Amino acid sequence: MEANIIYRITKGDEKALDAFIDYYSQHLYRIAFGIIGNKETSEEIVSDVFFEIWQTRKNLLKIDNLLSYLRKLTYNKAISRQRHDSIIEYADTPDGGIPESYHIPVASVDEEIISREEVDEINRAIEELPPKCRHVFTLAKLERISYDEISQLLDISVSTINFHVKTAVGFLRKRLRRFRPPD
């Protein structure tokens, strides 16, 4: 992409934004569609990406690798949308079910099964985490994506991932104390 077009976008040139959208939209659509699998939703996600680019246009010149940035932004929006939609889908079920990805795995058959109240409380506690911390924790612990893959995907160090996971676990431990059996 021409540096001139990026510069013009930072100055508020909507025609430059149109050229930018024409240049990147198909590529970003394919990324979103690969995750979502729905044409309309994928188009909405790509629109959201371009809307965010327009809102934060003054920072465009600070981005070293624009294509990588756009890919990550699209990926993150698609994953967030997918999670949101699956939560809504489960919440609309007659029993108000919880998505399987939010169930905490039980280590052995002998352990007590987690009650619906505990699962609801865990989900509420996870939602209270700061957004970046929640995202890293969800990828690492709920989706079980390796730290190396998360590092590449989010362009953060493994140390940063460790920090976010440790912070999340500490927060969840404090928040969920009432569910621990007495010593």
N, C-alpha and C. Protein backbone atom coordinates (compact mmCIF):
# COMPACT_ATOMS: atom_id res chain seq x y z
N MET A 1 0.86 -1.17 0.00
CA MET A 1 0.00 0.00 0.00
C MET A 1 0.90 1.22 0.00
N GLU A 2 0.54 2.16 -0.78
CA GLU A 2 1.30 3.40 -0.91
C GLU A 2 1.30 4.20 0.39
N ALA A 3 2.47 4.67 0.78
CA ALA A 3 2.58 5.50 1.99
C ALA A 3 1.75 6.77 1.85
N ASN A 4 1.62 7.27 0.62
CA ASN A 4 0.84 8.47 0.35
C ASN A 4 -0.63 8.28 0.74
N ILE A 5 -1.17 7.13 0.43
CA ILE A 5 -2.58 6.86 0.76
C ILE A 5 -2.75 6.81 2.28
N ILE A 6 -1.82 6.14 2.95
CA ILE A 6 -1.88 6.06 4.41
C ILE A 6 -1.81 7.47 5.01
N TYR A 7 -0.89 8.26 4.51
CA TYR A 7 -0.74 9.64 4.99
C TYR A 7 -2.04 10.42 4.78
N ARG A 8 -2.63 10.27 3.60
CA ARG A 8 -3.87 10.99 3.30
C ARG A 8 -5.00 10.55 4.23
N ILE A 9 -5.03 9.27 4.56
CA ILE A 9 -6.05 8.77 5.50
C ILE A 9 -5.86 9.44 6.86
N THR A 10 -4.61 9.54 7.31
CA THR A 10 -4.36 10.16 8.62
C THR A 10 -4.83 11.62 8.65
N LYS A 11 -4.91 12.23 7.49
CA LYS A 11 -5.36 13.62 7.39
C LYS A 11 -6.87 13.72 7.16
N GLY A 12 -7.56 12.56 7.11
CA GLY A 12 -9.02 12.57 6.99
C GLY A 12 -9.56 12.48 5.58
N ASP A 13 -8.74 12.07 4.63
CA ASP A 13 -9.15 11.96 3.22
C ASP A 13 -9.97 10.68 3.02
N GLU A 14 -11.27 10.84 2.82
CA GLU A 14 -12.17 9.69 2.68
C GLU A 14 -11.95 8.94 1.36
N LYS A 15 -11.53 9.65 0.31
CA LYS A 15 -11.23 8.97 -0.96
C LYS A 15 -10.03 8.04 -0.80
N ALA A 16 -9.06 8.44 -0.02
CA ALA A 16 -7.91 7.58 0.26
C ALA A 16 -8.37 6.36 1.05
N LEU A 17 -9.31 6.57 1.98
CA LEU A 17 -9.86 5.44 2.74
C LEU A 17 -10.56 4.46 1.80
N ASP A 18 -11.31 4.98 0.83
CA ASP A 18 -11.98 4.11 -0.15
C ASP A 18 -10.97 3.25 -0.91
N ALA A 19 -9.85 3.84 -1.31
CA ALA A 19 -8.80 3.09 -2.01
C ALA A 19 -8.20 2.03 -1.09
N PHE A 20 -8.01 2.39 0.16
CA PHE A 20 -7.48 1.48 1.18
C PHE A 20 -8.42 0.28 1.36
N ILE A 21 -9.71 0.58 1.47
CA ILE A 21 -10.72 -0.47 1.63
C ILE A 21 -10.73 -1.39 0.41
N ASP A 22 -10.71 -0.81 -0.78
CA ASP A 22 -10.68 -1.62 -2.00
C ASP A 22 -9.47 -2.56 -2.03
N TYR A 23 -8.36 -2.05 -1.57
CA TYR A 23 -7.11 -2.81 -1.61
C TYR A 23 -7.12 -3.98 -0.63
N TYR A 24 -7.65 -3.78 0.59
CA TYR A 24 -7.53 -4.79 1.64
C TYR A 24 -8.80 -5.60 1.92
N SER A 25 -9.94 -5.15 1.46
CA SER A 25 -11.19 -5.77 1.91
C SER A 25 -11.31 -7.27 1.59
N GLN A 26 -10.95 -7.70 0.39
CA GLN A 26 -11.10 -9.11 0.04
C GLN A 26 -10.22 -10.01 0.92
N HIS A 27 -8.99 -9.56 1.14
CA HIS A 27 -8.07 -10.34 1.97
C HIS A 27 -8.61 -10.48 3.40
N LEU A 28 -9.07 -9.39 3.97
CA LEU A 28 -9.60 -9.42 5.34
C LEU A 28 -10.90 -10.21 5.41
N TYR A 29 -11.71 -10.11 4.36
CA TYR A 29 -12.95 -10.88 4.30
C TYR A 29 -12.65 -12.38 4.37
N ARG A 30 -11.64 -12.82 3.62
CA ARG A 30 -11.29 -14.25 3.62
C ARG A 30 -10.85 -14.71 5.02
N ILE A 31 -10.14 -13.87 5.73
CA ILE A 31 -9.73 -14.21 7.10
C ILE A 31 -10.96 -14.35 7.99
N ALA A 32 -11.83 -13.36 7.95
CA ALA A 32 -13.04 -13.38 8.79
C ALA A 32 -13.93 -14.57 8.43
N PHE A 33 -14.12 -14.80 7.13
CA PHE A 33 -14.99 -15.89 6.70
C PHE A 33 -14.41 -17.24 7.11
N GLY A 34 -13.09 -17.36 7.09
CA GLY A 34 -12.45 -18.61 7.52
C GLY A 34 -12.73 -18.93 8.97
N ILE A 35 -12.94 -17.92 9.78
CA ILE A 35 -13.23 -18.12 11.20
C ILE A 35 -14.73 -18.24 11.44
N ILE A 36 -15.50 -17.36 10.83
CA ILE A 36 -16.93 -17.26 11.09
C ILE A 36 -17.76 -18.20 10.22
N GLY A 37 -17.42 -18.27 8.93
CA GLY A 37 -18.17 -19.13 8.02
C GLY A 37 -19.52 -18.57 7.59
N ASN A 38 -19.72 -17.28 7.81
CA ASN A 38 -20.99 -16.64 7.44
C ASN A 38 -20.69 -15.36 6.68
N LYS A 39 -21.27 -15.22 5.49
CA LYS A 39 -20.97 -14.10 4.60
C LYS A 39 -21.29 -12.74 5.24
N GLU A 40 -22.52 -12.59 5.73
CA GLU A 40 -22.95 -11.30 6.27
C GLU A 40 -22.14 -10.90 7.49
N THR A 41 -21.94 -11.84 8.39
CA THR A 41 -21.18 -11.55 9.61
C THR A 41 -19.74 -11.20 9.27
N SER A 42 -19.15 -11.91 8.31
CA SER A 42 -17.78 -11.62 7.90
C SER A 42 -17.68 -10.23 7.31
N GLU A 43 -18.67 -9.84 6.52
CA GLU A 43 -18.69 -8.49 5.96
C GLU A 43 -18.80 -7.43 7.06
N GLU A 44 -19.61 -7.71 8.09
CA GLU A 44 -19.74 -6.79 9.22
C GLU A 44 -18.41 -6.63 9.94
N ILE A 45 -17.72 -7.74 10.12
CA ILE A 45 -16.43 -7.71 10.82
C ILE A 45 -15.43 -6.86 10.05
N VAL A 46 -15.37 -7.05 8.73
CA VAL A 46 -14.45 -6.27 7.91
C VAL A 46 -14.83 -4.79 7.97
N SER A 47 -16.13 -4.49 7.96
CA SER A 47 -16.57 -3.10 8.11
C SER A 47 -16.12 -2.53 9.45
N ASP A 48 -16.25 -3.34 10.49
CA ASP A 48 -15.80 -2.90 11.82
C ASP A 48 -14.30 -2.61 11.83
N VAL A 49 -13.53 -3.43 11.14
CA VAL A 49 -12.08 -3.22 11.06
C VAL A 49 -11.80 -1.86 10.40
N PHE A 50 -12.43 -1.60 9.28
CA PHE A 50 -12.19 -0.34 8.58
C PHE A 50 -12.72 0.86 9.38
N PHE A 51 -13.80 0.66 10.08
CA PHE A 51 -14.32 1.73 10.95
C PHE A 51 -13.30 2.05 12.04
N GLU A 52 -12.73 1.01 12.64
CA GLU A 52 -11.70 1.24 13.67
C GLU A 52 -10.47 1.92 13.08
N ILE A 53 -10.07 1.52 11.87
CA ILE A 53 -8.94 2.16 11.21
C ILE A 53 -9.24 3.66 11.04
N TRP A 54 -10.45 3.98 10.63
CA TRP A 54 -10.82 5.37 10.42
C TRP A 54 -10.81 6.13 11.75
N GLN A 55 -11.33 5.51 12.80
CA GLN A 55 -11.37 6.16 14.11
C GLN A 55 -9.96 6.41 14.67
N THR A 56 -9.04 5.51 14.40
CA THR A 56 -7.68 5.62 14.95
C THR A 56 -6.68 6.03 13.87
N ARG A 57 -7.15 6.67 12.83
CA ARG A 57 -6.32 6.98 11.66
C ARG A 57 -5.07 7.78 11.97
N LYS A 58 -5.10 8.59 13.01
CA LYS A 58 -3.93 9.40 13.34
C LYS A 58 -2.73 8.54 13.76
N ASN A 59 -3.00 7.29 14.15
CA ASN A 59 -1.93 6.38 14.58
C ASN A 59 -1.42 5.47 13.47
N LEU A 60 -2.00 5.56 12.27
CA LEU A 60 -1.63 4.64 11.18
C LEU A 60 -0.15 4.70 10.82
N LEU A 61 0.43 5.87 10.84
CA LEU A 61 1.84 6.00 10.45
C LEU A 61 2.79 5.38 11.47
N LYS A 62 2.29 5.11 12.67
CA LYS A 62 3.11 4.49 13.71
C LYS A 62 3.17 2.96 13.59
N ILE A 63 2.33 2.39 12.74
CA ILE A 63 2.26 0.93 12.60
C ILE A 63 3.36 0.47 11.64
N ASP A 64 4.22 -0.43 12.13
CA ASP A 64 5.34 -0.91 11.32
C ASP A 64 4.89 -1.82 10.17
N ASN A 65 4.04 -2.78 10.48
CA ASN A 65 3.60 -3.75 9.48
C ASN A 65 2.07 -3.67 9.40
N LEU A 66 1.58 -2.87 8.49
CA LEU A 66 0.15 -2.61 8.40
C LEU A 66 -0.65 -3.87 8.07
N LEU A 67 -0.16 -4.69 7.15
CA LEU A 67 -0.89 -5.91 6.80
C LEU A 67 -1.01 -6.83 8.00
N SER A 68 0.05 -7.01 8.73
CA SER A 68 0.01 -7.85 9.93
C SER A 68 -0.97 -7.29 10.95
N TYR A 69 -0.95 -5.99 11.12
CA TYR A 69 -1.87 -5.31 12.04
C TYR A 69 -3.32 -5.56 11.63
N LEU A 70 -3.61 -5.40 10.34
CA LEU A 70 -4.98 -5.60 9.84
C LEU A 70 -5.42 -7.05 10.02
N ARG A 71 -4.51 -7.98 9.77
CA ARG A 71 -4.84 -9.40 9.96
C ARG A 71 -5.19 -9.69 11.42
N LYS A 72 -4.36 -9.19 12.34
CA LYS A 72 -4.61 -9.42 13.76
C LYS A 72 -5.91 -8.78 14.21
N LEU A 73 -6.15 -7.57 13.74
CA LEU A 73 -7.38 -6.88 14.10
C LEU A 73 -8.60 -7.65 13.60
N THR A 74 -8.54 -8.13 12.39
CA THR A 74 -9.63 -8.92 11.82
C THR A 74 -9.83 -10.21 12.58
N TYR A 75 -8.72 -10.90 12.85
CA TYR A 75 -8.77 -12.16 13.61
C TYR A 75 -9.42 -11.92 14.97
N ASN A 76 -8.95 -10.91 15.69
CA ASN A 76 -9.48 -10.64 17.03
C ASN A 76 -10.97 -10.30 17.00
N LYS A 77 -11.38 -9.50 16.04
CA LYS A 77 -12.79 -9.16 15.93
C LYS A 77 -13.64 -10.38 15.58
N ALA A 78 -13.12 -11.23 14.71
CA ALA A 78 -13.86 -12.44 14.32
C ALA A 78 -13.99 -13.40 15.50
N ILE A 79 -12.91 -13.59 16.24
CA ILE A 79 -12.96 -14.48 17.42
C ILE A 79 -13.91 -13.90 18.47
N SER A 80 -13.82 -12.62 18.71
CA SER A 80 -14.73 -11.99 19.68
C SER A 80 -16.19 -12.15 19.25
N ARG A 81 -16.45 -11.95 17.98
CA ARG A 81 -17.81 -12.09 17.47
C ARG A 81 -18.29 -13.54 17.59
N GLN A 82 -17.39 -14.47 17.27
CA GLN A 82 -17.74 -15.89 17.36
C GLN A 82 -18.09 -16.26 18.81
N ARG A 83 -17.29 -15.80 19.74
CA ARG A 83 -17.57 -16.09 21.16
C ARG A 83 -18.88 -15.45 21.59
N HIS A 84 -19.06 -14.19 21.21
CA HIS A 84 -20.29 -13.49 21.56
C HIS A 84 -21.50 -14.22 21.02
N ASP A 85 -21.44 -14.60 19.75
CA ASP A 85 -22.57 -15.30 19.14
C ASP A 85 -22.83 -16.64 19.80
N SER A 86 -21.77 -17.36 20.18
CA SER A 86 -21.98 -18.66 20.80
C SER A 86 -22.56 -18.50 22.20
N ILE A 87 -22.17 -17.45 22.91
CA ILE A 87 -22.74 -17.20 24.24
C ILE A 87 -24.22 -16.85 24.10
N ILE A 88 -24.56 -16.01 23.13
CA ILE A 88 -25.96 -15.65 22.90
C ILE A 88 -26.76 -16.88 22.51
N GLU A 89 -26.19 -17.70 21.63
CA GLU A 89 -26.86 -18.92 21.19
C GLU A 89 -27.17 -19.83 22.36
N TYR A 90 -26.20 -20.02 23.26
CA TYR A 90 -26.41 -20.88 24.42
C TYR A 90 -27.36 -20.24 25.41
N ALA A 91 -27.29 -18.93 25.57
CA ALA A 91 -28.17 -18.25 26.52
C ALA A 91 -29.61 -18.33 26.07
N ASP A 92 -29.83 -18.44 24.76
CA ASP A 92 -31.18 -18.52 24.23
C ASP A 92 -31.78 -19.93 24.30
N THR A 93 -30.99 -20.91 24.76
CA THR A 93 -31.52 -22.26 24.87
C THR A 93 -32.48 -22.32 26.04
N PRO A 94 -33.43 -23.27 26.03
CA PRO A 94 -34.42 -23.34 27.11
C PRO A 94 -33.80 -23.47 28.50
N ASP A 95 -32.70 -24.19 28.62
CA ASP A 95 -32.10 -24.37 29.94
C ASP A 95 -31.04 -23.31 30.24
N GLY A 96 -30.86 -22.33 29.30
CA GLY A 96 -29.88 -21.27 29.52
C GLY A 96 -28.47 -21.81 29.59
N GLY A 97 -28.19 -22.82 28.78
CA GLY A 97 -26.92 -23.54 28.82
C GLY A 97 -25.69 -22.67 28.72
N ILE A 98 -24.59 -23.21 29.14
CA ILE A 98 -23.31 -22.54 29.10
C ILE A 98 -22.47 -23.21 28.03
N PRO A 99 -21.77 -22.44 27.19
CA PRO A 99 -20.93 -23.05 26.17
C PRO A 99 -19.90 -23.98 26.80
N GLU A 100 -19.63 -25.09 26.14
CA GLU A 100 -18.68 -26.05 26.66
C GLU A 100 -17.31 -25.44 26.91
N SER A 101 -16.91 -24.49 26.09
CA SER A 101 -15.59 -23.90 26.26
C SER A 101 -15.45 -23.16 27.58
N TYR A 102 -16.54 -22.91 28.27
CA TYR A 102 -16.46 -22.23 29.55
C TYR A 102 -16.50 -23.18 30.74
N HIS A 103 -16.65 -24.47 30.49
CA HIS A 103 -16.61 -25.42 31.58
C HIS A 103 -15.17 -25.67 31.99
N ILE A 104 -14.92 -25.69 33.26
CA ILE A 104 -13.59 -25.96 33.76
C ILE A 104 -13.42 -27.48 33.82
N PRO A 105 -12.36 -28.03 33.21
CA PRO A 105 -12.20 -29.48 33.22
C PRO A 105 -11.94 -30.01 34.63
N VAL A 106 -12.59 -31.11 34.96
CA VAL A 106 -12.41 -31.75 36.25
C VAL A 106 -11.22 -32.70 36.15
N ALA A 107 -10.31 -32.62 37.12
CA ALA A 107 -9.07 -33.37 37.06
C ALA A 107 -9.27 -34.86 37.21
N SER A 108 -10.22 -35.28 38.03
CA SER A 108 -10.43 -36.72 38.20
C SER A 108 -11.91 -37.01 38.39
N VAL A 109 -12.28 -38.25 38.22
CA VAL A 109 -13.67 -38.66 38.35
C VAL A 109 -14.15 -38.50 39.78
N ASP A 110 -13.24 -38.57 40.73
CA ASP A 110 -13.61 -38.49 42.14
C ASP A 110 -14.02 -37.09 42.57
N GLU A 111 -13.59 -36.08 41.82
CA GLU A 111 -13.89 -34.71 42.23
C GLU A 111 -15.36 -34.40 42.02
N GLU A 112 -15.84 -33.43 42.81
CA GLU A 112 -17.23 -33.01 42.67
C GLU A 112 -17.46 -32.34 41.34
N ILE A 113 -18.62 -32.51 40.79
CA ILE A 113 -18.98 -31.84 39.55
C ILE A 113 -19.30 -30.39 39.87
N ILE A 114 -18.85 -29.50 39.01
CA ILE A 114 -19.06 -28.07 39.23
C ILE A 114 -20.53 -27.74 38.98
N SER A 115 -21.12 -27.03 39.91
CA SER A 115 -22.54 -26.68 39.79
C SER A 115 -22.72 -25.56 38.77
N ARG A 116 -23.94 -25.41 38.30
CA ARG A 116 -24.27 -24.34 37.37
C ARG A 116 -23.95 -22.99 38.00
N GLU A 117 -24.24 -22.84 39.28
CA GLU A 117 -23.94 -21.58 39.98
C GLU A 117 -22.44 -21.29 39.93
N GLU A 118 -21.63 -22.30 40.13
CA GLU A 118 -20.17 -22.11 40.10
C GLU A 118 -19.71 -21.75 38.68
N VAL A 119 -20.26 -22.40 37.68
CA VAL A 119 -19.89 -22.10 36.30
C VAL A 119 -20.29 -20.67 35.96
N ASP A 120 -21.50 -20.26 36.36
CA ASP A 120 -21.95 -18.89 36.12
C ASP A 120 -21.02 -17.89 36.81
N GLU A 121 -20.62 -18.21 38.02
CA GLU A 121 -19.74 -17.31 38.77
C GLU A 121 -18.35 -17.24 38.11
N ILE A 122 -17.86 -18.34 37.63
CA ILE A 122 -16.57 -18.37 36.92
C ILE A 122 -16.66 -17.51 35.67
N ASN A 123 -17.72 -17.66 34.90
CA ASN A 123 -17.90 -16.86 33.69
C ASN A 123 -17.99 -15.37 34.00
N ARG A 124 -18.71 -15.02 35.06
CA ARG A 124 -18.81 -13.60 35.46
C ARG A 124 -17.43 -13.07 35.87
N ALA A 125 -16.68 -13.88 36.60
CA ALA A 125 -15.34 -13.47 37.04
C ALA A 125 -14.41 -13.28 35.84
N ILE A 126 -14.49 -14.17 34.87
CA ILE A 126 -13.66 -14.04 33.66
C ILE A 126 -14.02 -12.75 32.92
N GLU A 127 -15.30 -12.43 32.85
CA GLU A 127 -15.73 -11.20 32.16
C GLU A 127 -15.23 -9.94 32.87
N GLU A 128 -14.93 -10.03 34.16
CA GLU A 128 -14.44 -8.87 34.91
C GLU A 128 -12.95 -8.60 34.68
N LEU A 129 -12.25 -9.56 34.08
CA LEU A 129 -10.83 -9.35 33.81
C LEU A 129 -10.65 -8.22 32.81
N PRO A 130 -9.51 -7.51 32.87
CA PRO A 130 -9.24 -6.51 31.83
C PRO A 130 -9.26 -7.18 30.46
N PRO A 131 -9.68 -6.49 29.41
CA PRO A 131 -9.87 -7.11 28.09
C PRO A 131 -8.66 -7.90 27.57
N LYS A 132 -7.48 -7.32 27.60
CA LYS A 132 -6.30 -8.02 27.08
C LYS A 132 -5.99 -9.25 27.93
N CYS A 133 -6.08 -9.11 29.23
CA CYS A 133 -5.84 -10.22 30.15
C CYS A 133 -6.86 -11.33 29.90
N ARG A 134 -8.13 -10.96 29.75
CA ARG A 134 -9.20 -11.94 29.50
C ARG A 134 -8.95 -12.68 28.18
N HIS A 135 -8.54 -11.93 27.15
CA HIS A 135 -8.31 -12.53 25.84
C HIS A 135 -7.17 -13.55 25.91
N VAL A 136 -6.05 -13.16 26.52
CA VAL A 136 -4.90 -14.07 26.63
C VAL A 136 -5.26 -15.27 27.47
N PHE A 137 -5.94 -15.06 28.60
CA PHE A 137 -6.35 -16.16 29.48
C PHE A 137 -7.27 -17.12 28.73
N THR A 138 -8.23 -16.59 28.00
CA THR A 138 -9.17 -17.42 27.26
C THR A 138 -8.44 -18.27 26.21
N LEU A 139 -7.54 -17.65 25.47
CA LEU A 139 -6.78 -18.40 24.46
C LEU A 139 -5.94 -19.49 25.11
N ALA A 140 -5.26 -19.14 26.21
CA ALA A 140 -4.31 -20.08 26.83
C ALA A 140 -5.01 -21.18 27.62
N LYS A 141 -5.97 -20.83 28.43
CA LYS A 141 -6.53 -21.80 29.36
C LYS A 141 -7.85 -22.42 28.92
N LEU A 142 -8.68 -21.67 28.23
CA LEU A 142 -9.96 -22.23 27.82
C LEU A 142 -9.89 -22.86 26.43
N GLU A 143 -9.16 -22.20 25.52
CA GLU A 143 -9.03 -22.77 24.18
C GLU A 143 -7.78 -23.62 24.04
N ARG A 144 -6.93 -23.56 25.06
CA ARG A 144 -5.71 -24.37 25.14
C ARG A 144 -4.77 -24.19 23.94
N ILE A 145 -4.61 -22.95 23.54
CA ILE A 145 -3.66 -22.61 22.49
C ILE A 145 -2.31 -22.42 23.16
N SER A 146 -1.26 -22.92 22.54
CA SER A 146 0.07 -22.84 23.14
C SER A 146 0.51 -21.39 23.27
N TYR A 147 1.37 -21.15 24.25
CA TYR A 147 1.88 -19.80 24.47
C TYR A 147 2.63 -19.31 23.23
N ASP A 148 3.36 -20.19 22.56
CA ASP A 148 4.09 -19.79 21.35
C ASP A 148 3.13 -19.31 20.26
N GLU A 149 2.03 -20.03 20.08
CA GLU A 149 1.04 -19.63 19.07
C GLU A 149 0.39 -18.31 19.44
N ILE A 150 0.08 -18.13 20.72
CA ILE A 150 -0.52 -16.87 21.18
C ILE A 150 0.47 -15.73 20.96
N SER A 151 1.73 -16.00 21.25
CA SER A 151 2.77 -14.99 21.07
C SER A 151 2.83 -14.52 19.62
N GLN A 152 2.77 -15.44 18.70
CA GLN A 152 2.80 -15.09 17.27
C GLN A 152 1.51 -14.39 16.85
N LEU A 153 0.40 -14.89 17.32
CA LEU A 153 -0.89 -14.34 16.93
C LEU A 153 -1.08 -12.91 17.41
N LEU A 154 -0.73 -12.65 18.67
CA LEU A 154 -0.97 -11.34 19.25
C LEU A 154 0.26 -10.44 19.24
N ASP A 155 1.37 -11.00 18.77
CA ASP A 155 2.64 -10.26 18.70
C ASP A 155 3.03 -9.72 20.08
N ILE A 156 2.97 -10.62 21.06
CA ILE A 156 3.43 -10.30 22.41
C ILE A 156 4.38 -11.40 22.85
N SER A 157 5.20 -11.11 23.83
CA SER A 157 6.19 -12.08 24.28
C SER A 157 5.54 -13.15 25.16
N VAL A 158 6.22 -14.28 25.29
CA VAL A 158 5.74 -15.35 26.16
C VAL A 158 5.71 -14.84 27.60
N SER A 159 6.65 -13.98 27.97
CA SER A 159 6.65 -13.39 29.32
C SER A 159 5.38 -12.58 29.57
N THR A 160 4.94 -11.85 28.56
CA THR A 160 3.71 -11.07 28.68
C THR A 160 2.51 -12.01 28.83
N ILE A 161 2.52 -13.09 28.09
CA ILE A 161 1.44 -14.09 28.19
C ILE A 161 1.43 -14.66 29.61
N ASN A 162 2.62 -15.04 30.12
CA ASN A 162 2.71 -15.55 31.49
C ASN A 162 2.15 -14.54 32.49
N PHE A 163 2.49 -13.27 32.31
CA PHE A 163 2.00 -12.22 33.20
C PHE A 163 0.47 -12.17 33.18
N HIS A 164 -0.12 -12.15 31.98
CA HIS A 164 -1.59 -12.07 31.87
C HIS A 164 -2.26 -13.30 32.48
N VAL A 165 -1.72 -14.47 32.21
CA VAL A 165 -2.32 -15.70 32.75
C VAL A 165 -2.20 -15.72 34.27
N LYS A 166 -1.03 -15.37 34.77
CA LYS A 166 -0.82 -15.34 36.23
C LYS A 166 -1.74 -14.31 36.88
N THR A 167 -1.88 -13.16 36.27
CA THR A 167 -2.78 -12.13 36.79
C THR A 167 -4.22 -12.64 36.82
N ALA A 168 -4.64 -13.28 35.73
CA ALA A 168 -6.02 -13.80 35.63
C ALA A 168 -6.26 -14.88 36.68
N VAL A 169 -5.33 -15.80 36.81
CA VAL A 169 -5.50 -16.89 37.77
C VAL A 169 -5.57 -16.33 39.19
N GLY A 170 -4.70 -15.36 39.51
CA GLY A 170 -4.74 -14.75 40.84
C GLY A 170 -6.06 -14.06 41.11
N PHE A 171 -6.54 -13.32 40.12
CA PHE A 171 -7.82 -12.64 40.26
C PHE A 171 -8.96 -13.65 40.45
N LEU A 172 -8.97 -14.67 39.62
CA LEU A 172 -10.04 -15.68 39.69
C LEU A 172 -9.99 -16.42 41.03
N ARG A 173 -8.80 -16.71 41.49
CA ARG A 173 -8.65 -17.41 42.77
C ARG A 173 -9.27 -16.57 43.89
N LYS A 174 -8.96 -15.28 43.92
CA LYS A 174 -9.52 -14.40 44.96
C LYS A 174 -11.03 -14.26 44.80
N ARG A 175 -11.47 -14.08 43.59
CA ARG A 175 -12.89 -13.84 43.30
C ARG A 175 -13.76 -15.06 43.61
N LEU A 176 -13.17 -16.25 43.47
CA LEU A 176 -13.95 -17.48 43.61
C LEU A 176 -13.69 -18.19 44.94
N ARG A 177 -13.14 -17.50 45.91
CA ARG A 177 -12.81 -18.11 47.21
C ARG A 177 -14.00 -18.77 47.87
N ARG A 178 -15.15 -18.20 47.73
CA ARG A 178 -16.33 -18.73 48.46
C ARG A 178 -16.72 -20.13 47.98
N PHE A 179 -16.21 -20.55 46.82
CA PHE A 179 -16.54 -21.88 46.32
C PHE A 179 -15.53 -22.95 46.77
N ARG A 180 -14.44 -22.50 47.40
CA ARG A 180 -13.45 -23.47 47.87
C ARG A 180 -13.92 -24.14 49.14
N PRO A 181 -13.66 -25.44 49.26
CA PRO A 181 -14.04 -26.11 50.50
C PRO A 181 -13.15 -25.62 51.65
N PRO A 182 -13.69 -25.56 52.86
CA PRO A 182 -12.87 -25.13 54.01
C PRO A 182 -11.72 -26.10 54.24
N ASP A 183 -10.60 -25.54 54.72
CA ASP A 183 -9.43 -26.38 55.01
C ASP A 183 -9.59 -27.18 56.26
